[in-house]
């Protein structure tokens, strides 16, 4: 997948940065199972967690994440 191709899923973004679920979850301050839930169901992400995800993955807008 081309890095400029948008939008991408949270899973695709995490994998493109070669992060495991455990590494990403720890950096986001989440339990592994919660990160997996949000990756599967991004529409369920609370605003506070969405903000952390945007900052961590250096994404400018949730519009860049495929739901």
C-alpha atoms as a PDB file:
ATOM      1  CA  UNK A   1       0.000   0.000   0.000  1.00  0.00           C
ATOM      2  CA  UNK A   2       1.252   3.430  -0.900  1.00  0.00           C
ATOM      3  CA  UNK A   3       1.883   5.557   2.230  1.00  0.00           C
ATOM      4  CA  UNK A   4       0.049   8.506   0.688  1.00  0.00           C
ATOM      5  CA  UNK A   5      -3.088   6.474   0.068  1.00  0.00           C
ATOM      6  CA  UNK A   6      -5.818   7.680   2.417  1.00  0.00           C
ATOM      7  CA  UNK A   7      -7.788   6.888   4.411  1.00  0.00           C
ATOM      8  CA  UNK A   8      -6.240   3.854   6.073  1.00  0.00           C
ATOM      9  CA  UNK A   9      -7.428   1.776   8.988  1.00  0.00           C
ATOM     10  CA  UNK A  10      -5.810   2.108  12.402  1.00  0.00           C
ATOM     11  CA  UNK A  11      -4.445  -1.415  11.940  1.00  0.00           C
ATOM     12  CA  UNK A  12      -2.802  -0.448   8.632  1.00  0.00           C
ATOM     13  CA  UNK A  13      -1.295   2.659  10.211  1.00  0.00           C
ATOM     14  CA  UNK A  14       0.093   0.672  13.178  1.00  0.00           C
ATOM     15  CA  UNK A  15       1.520  -2.034  10.916  1.00  0.00           C
ATOM     16  CA  UNK A  16       3.056   0.515   8.536  1.00  0.00           C
ATOM     17  CA  UNK A  17       5.014   1.810  11.523  1.00  0.00           C
ATOM     18  CA  UNK A  18       6.035  -1.778  12.354  1.00  0.00           C
ATOM     19  CA  UNK A  19       4.500  -1.654  15.830  1.00  0.00           C
ATOM     20  CA  UNK A  20       3.039  -4.586  17.688  1.00  0.00           C
ATOM     21  CA  UNK A  21      -0.288  -4.248  19.464  1.00  0.00           C
ATOM     22  CA  UNK A  22       1.574  -4.296  22.787  1.00  0.00           C
ATOM     23  CA  UNK A  23       3.969  -1.509  21.763  1.00  0.00           C
ATOM     24  CA  UNK A  24       1.231   0.727  20.400  1.00  0.00           C
ATOM     25  CA  UNK A  25      -1.102   0.077  23.332  1.00  0.00           C
ATOM     26  CA  UNK A  26       1.620   0.887  25.861  1.00  0.00           C
ATOM     27  CA  UNK A  27       2.478   4.135  24.058  1.00  0.00           C
ATOM     28  CA  UNK A  28      -1.205   5.081  23.952  1.00  0.00           C
ATOM     29  CA  UNK A  29      -1.783   4.196  27.595  1.00  0.00           C
ATOM     30  CA  UNK A  30      -4.277   1.457  26.710  1.00  0.00           C
ATOM     31  CA  UNK A  31      -4.579  -2.219  27.491  1.00  0.00           C
ATOM     32  CA  UNK A  32      -3.873  -4.454  24.497  1.00  0.00           C
ATOM     33  CA  UNK A  33      -7.466  -5.688  24.356  1.00  0.00           C
ATOM     34  CA  UNK A  34      -8.843  -2.133  24.262  1.00  0.00           C
ATOM     35  CA  UNK A  35      -6.569  -1.172  21.375  1.00  0.00           C
ATOM     36  CA  UNK A  36      -7.659  -4.288  19.494  1.00  0.00           C
ATOM     37  CA  UNK A  37     -11.307  -3.373  20.129  1.00  0.00           C
ATOM     38  CA  UNK A  38     -10.783   0.167  18.816  1.00  0.00           C
ATOM     39  CA  UNK A  39      -8.899  -1.144  15.781  1.00  0.00           C
ATOM     40  CA  UNK A  40     -11.834  -3.440  14.960  1.00  0.00           C
ATOM     41  CA  UNK A  41     -14.523  -0.873  15.825  1.00  0.00           C
ATOM     42  CA  UNK A  42     -13.100   2.640  15.284  1.00  0.00           C
ATOM     43  CA  UNK A  43     -16.576   4.164  15.563  1.00  0.00           C
ATOM     44  CA  UNK A  44     -16.450   3.181  19.274  1.00  0.00           C
ATOM     45  CA  UNK A  45     -13.303   5.202  20.045  1.00  0.00           C
ATOM     46  CA  UNK A  46     -13.930   7.799  22.767  1.00  0.00           C
ATOM     47  CA  UNK A  47     -12.862  11.334  21.903  1.00  0.00           C
ATOM     48  CA  UNK A  48     -10.055  11.334  24.484  1.00  0.00           C
ATOM     49  CA  UNK A  49      -8.577   8.153  22.994  1.00  0.00           C
ATOM     50  CA  UNK A  50      -9.054   9.431  19.441  1.00  0.00           C
ATOM     51  CA  UNK A  51      -6.978  12.477  20.351  1.00  0.00           C
ATOM     52  CA  UNK A  52      -4.169  10.269  21.691  1.00  0.00           C
ATOM     53  CA  UNK A  53      -4.271   8.112  18.547  1.00  0.00           C
ATOM     54  CA  UNK A  54      -4.076  11.167  16.285  1.00  0.00           C
ATOM     55  CA  UNK A  55      -1.077  12.537  18.155  1.00  0.00           C
ATOM     56  CA  UNK A  56       0.725   9.198  18.472  1.00  0.00           C
ATOM     57  CA  UNK A  57       0.384   8.340  14.790  1.00  0.00           C
ATOM     58  CA  UNK A  58       0.915  11.988  13.758  1.00  0.00           C
ATOM     59  CA  UNK A  59      -2.393  12.149  11.903  1.00  0.00           C
ATOM     60  CA  UNK A  60      -3.977  15.546  11.363  1.00  0.00           C
ATOM     61  CA  UNK A  61      -7.621  14.442  11.303  1.00  0.00           C
ATOM     62  CA  UNK A  62      -9.880  11.467  11.980  1.00  0.00           C
ATOM     63  CA  UNK A  63     -10.984  11.861   8.349  1.00  0.00           C
ATOM     64  CA  UNK A  64      -7.711  10.151   7.463  1.00  0.00           C
ATOM     65  CA  UNK A  65      -8.796   6.993   9.281  1.00  0.00           C
ATOM     66  CA  UNK A  66     -11.004   4.535   7.447  1.00  0.00           C
ATOM     67  CA  UNK A  67     -13.950   3.385   9.543  1.00  0.00           C
END
